Every structure is written in C-alpha cells, then in structure tokens.
Protein backbone atom coordinates (compact mmCIF):
# COMPACT_ATOMS: atom_id res chain seq x y z
CA MET A 1 80.06 -45.37 -27.31
CA PRO A 2 81.94 -48.38 -25.95
CA PRO A 3 81.19 -51.51 -27.99
CA ALA A 4 79.96 -53.39 -24.90
CA LEU A 5 77.39 -50.67 -24.14
CA ASP A 6 76.31 -50.56 -27.79
CA ARG A 7 75.85 -54.33 -27.82
CA SER A 8 74.02 -54.35 -24.48
CA LEU A 9 71.54 -51.63 -25.51
CA ARG A 10 70.89 -53.42 -28.81
CA VAL A 11 70.25 -56.74 -27.04
CA VAL A 12 67.88 -55.09 -24.54
CA ALA A 13 66.04 -53.22 -27.31
CA ALA A 14 65.73 -56.37 -29.44
CA ALA A 15 64.45 -58.34 -26.43
CA LEU A 16 61.81 -55.69 -25.73
CA ILE A 17 60.68 -55.77 -29.36
CA LEU A 18 60.55 -59.60 -29.23
CA ILE A 19 58.30 -59.30 -26.18
CA GLN A 20 55.99 -57.17 -28.32
CA THR A 21 56.07 -59.95 -30.92
CA TYR A 22 55.14 -62.51 -28.28
CA THR A 23 52.22 -60.46 -26.93
CA HIS A 24 50.75 -59.99 -30.40
CA VAL A 25 51.08 -63.67 -31.30
CA GLN A 26 49.56 -64.65 -27.95
CA ARG A 27 46.57 -62.32 -28.41
CA TRP A 28 46.09 -63.66 -31.93
CA LEU A 29 46.10 -67.24 -30.58
CA ASP A 30 43.72 -66.21 -27.78
CA GLY A 31 41.04 -65.29 -30.28
CA TYR A 32 42.00 -62.01 -31.93
CA ARG A 33 42.45 -63.94 -35.18
CA ALA A 34 38.65 -63.93 -35.50
CA ILE A 35 38.45 -60.12 -35.38
CA GLU A 36 38.06 -58.65 -38.83
CA VAL A 37 40.96 -56.36 -39.87
CA VAL A 38 42.48 -56.27 -36.38
CA GLY A 39 43.28 -59.99 -36.30
CA PRO A 40 45.42 -59.90 -39.45
CA LEU A 41 47.06 -56.67 -38.24
CA PHE A 42 48.23 -58.49 -35.11
CA VAL A 43 50.04 -60.98 -37.35
CA VAL A 44 51.52 -58.18 -39.46
CA ASN A 45 52.70 -56.40 -36.30
CA ALA A 46 54.31 -59.59 -34.98
CA VAL A 47 56.14 -60.29 -38.26
CA VAL A 48 57.34 -56.69 -38.59
CA ALA A 49 58.42 -56.65 -34.93
CA LEU A 50 60.42 -59.85 -35.45
CA ALA A 51 62.16 -58.34 -38.48
CA VAL A 52 62.89 -55.08 -36.65
CA ALA A 53 64.24 -56.96 -33.60
CA LEU A 54 66.64 -58.87 -35.86
CA LEU A 55 67.62 -55.64 -37.61
CA VAL A 56 68.37 -53.94 -34.28
CA LEU A 57 70.28 -56.94 -32.97
CA LEU A 58 72.30 -57.82 -36.05
CA ARG A 59 72.69 -54.54 -37.92
CA GLY A 60 72.50 -51.68 -35.48
CA GLY A 61 72.67 -48.12 -36.68
CA LEU A 62 70.32 -45.20 -36.48
CA ALA A 63 67.94 -46.54 -39.13
CA SER A 64 67.26 -49.68 -37.12
CA ALA A 65 66.84 -47.63 -33.93
CA LEU A 66 64.38 -45.41 -35.75
CA ALA A 67 62.50 -48.44 -37.11
CA GLY A 68 62.19 -49.85 -33.59
CA MET A 69 61.00 -46.54 -32.17
CA VAL A 70 58.42 -46.05 -34.95
CA LEU A 71 57.14 -49.62 -34.57
CA SER A 72 56.86 -49.40 -30.79
CA PHE A 73 55.31 -45.95 -30.77
CA ALA A 74 52.82 -46.81 -33.55
CA THR A 75 51.81 -49.94 -31.64
CA LEU A 76 51.23 -47.84 -28.52
CA VAL A 77 49.11 -45.40 -30.51
CA ALA A 78 47.04 -48.24 -31.98
CA PHE A 79 46.53 -49.73 -28.51
CA SER A 80 45.48 -46.35 -27.15
CA LEU A 81 43.03 -45.82 -30.00
CA SER A 82 41.50 -49.24 -29.41
CA ARG A 83 40.93 -48.31 -25.76
CA GLN A 84 39.80 -44.70 -26.13
CA ALA A 85 37.57 -45.02 -29.19
CA SER A 86 37.87 -47.91 -31.58
CA LEU A 87 40.31 -49.16 -34.14
CA PHE A 88 38.65 -50.50 -37.30
CA GLY A 89 35.51 -51.06 -35.22
CA PHE A 90 37.34 -52.91 -32.44
CA SER A 91 37.45 -51.62 -28.87
CA GLU A 92 39.78 -53.14 -26.28
CA THR A 93 38.35 -53.12 -22.78
CA ARG A 94 40.46 -55.42 -20.66
CA TRP A 95 43.63 -54.72 -18.74
CA ASP A 96 45.30 -58.00 -17.96
CA GLY A 97 48.88 -59.07 -17.43
CA LEU A 98 49.57 -59.42 -21.13
CA ALA A 99 48.34 -55.88 -21.80
CA PHE A 100 50.64 -54.51 -19.10
CA VAL A 101 53.57 -56.51 -20.48
CA ALA A 102 52.89 -55.25 -24.01
CA VAL A 103 52.60 -51.59 -23.02
CA GLY A 104 55.63 -51.83 -20.75
CA ALA A 105 57.74 -53.42 -23.48
CA GLU A 106 56.64 -50.81 -26.02
CA VAL A 107 57.39 -47.84 -23.74
CA LEU A 108 60.72 -49.27 -22.62
CA ALA A 109 61.70 -50.11 -26.20
CA VAL A 110 61.14 -46.50 -27.26
CA LEU A 111 63.20 -45.23 -24.32
CA VAL A 112 66.07 -47.70 -24.77
CA LEU A 113 66.24 -47.10 -28.52
CA LEU A 114 66.14 -43.35 -28.01
CA ALA A 115 69.00 -43.57 -25.49
CA TRP A 116 70.97 -45.88 -27.76
CA ALA A 117 70.54 -43.57 -30.77
CA ALA A 118 71.46 -40.49 -28.74
CA LEU A 119 74.57 -42.12 -27.30
CA ALA A 120 75.63 -43.41 -30.70
CA ALA A 121 75.21 -39.97 -32.27
CA ARG A 122 77.17 -38.26 -29.49
CA SER A 123 80.05 -40.72 -29.31
CA GLU A 124 83.38 -39.08 -29.91
CA GLY A 125 86.22 -40.76 -31.73
CA THR A 126 83.95 -43.27 -33.46
CA THR A 127 82.46 -43.38 -36.88
CA ARG A 128 79.08 -41.72 -36.69
CA THR A 129 76.24 -43.61 -38.19
CA THR A 130 73.81 -41.68 -40.31
CA ILE A 131 70.41 -42.72 -41.52
CA GLN A 132 71.58 -42.18 -45.10
CA GLY A 133 74.60 -44.43 -44.46
CA ASP A 134 72.37 -47.09 -42.94
CA LEU A 135 70.02 -46.91 -45.92
CA ARG A 136 73.01 -47.32 -48.27
CA ARG A 137 74.23 -50.39 -46.36
CA LEU A 138 70.75 -51.89 -46.61
CA GLY A 139 70.67 -51.20 -50.34
CA LEU A 140 67.80 -48.73 -49.99
CA ALA A 141 69.71 -45.61 -51.09
CA ALA A 142 72.12 -44.82 -53.88
CA PRO A 143 75.84 -45.01 -53.03
CA ALA A 144 77.59 -41.77 -52.10
CA THR A 145 79.30 -40.08 -55.00
C-alpha cells in the first residue's frame, strides 16, 4: 500500500475513534455519570478509545487495526443492547444527534479499519505486518527465535 494511503486511512480511522471518545465523554458530562455501572463504563470506553486512536495513528499495524475494530464493534453491540433490552439495568431510549454521530463513527471506523487492514495485508512488495509481529513490537509477545 502506498505510504500516503496508509497514513490517510490511519488518520481517518483515528479521527473516527476520537469522535467515539468525544461522544462518550459528552454523554458522561450530560448526566450518564450518575448511572450506576454504565456511567463508569462510559469513562472506561472513552479512555480506551483514546488509547486505541493513538495506537492506530502512531503505530499502525494489524494489531492496532484489530483493536480499533473490536472497540468500535463492541461499542455498537453495547449500544444496541441498551436499546433493545437493557445493559446493566440501563435502557437507552433517545435518538438524538449525538447518538447518530456515535453510531456513524463506530460503523465507519469498523469499515475504514477493515479496508486498511485488508489493503495492508494484500500489498505487494512491502513488508507484511502480522499480528504476532505487532505484539512483539509492543512487547506483548516473545521475540522470534
């Protein structure tokens, strides 16, 4: 994959994940902080999203793409559960602009990260990134022998 395309997809993906961070912080400030279990989870989601956005932007690689996809997809699942049934006793009922922004950013992040990972894996003439290699670079796996 050309470096400019790689960089552009990483910037877009990181921006979409940062939008997720913003929506969770905003909801927390709007009163979700008072909701037992769910309030603290909004803070956790925002902190993790910030870390994943930085990982995607600064590190790249398939592991960071996977982290972004898992985060975004899990957040979508949690949102869906809170609307369809309840999540830790909390049910979301409103659809406002912030909800649309959050869902849009989460869906687009999954799609952009999936495209980025697929293009990176299919690139010819470049060093292929593997999850194992990414984990080694992050110090989370033993060095290759």
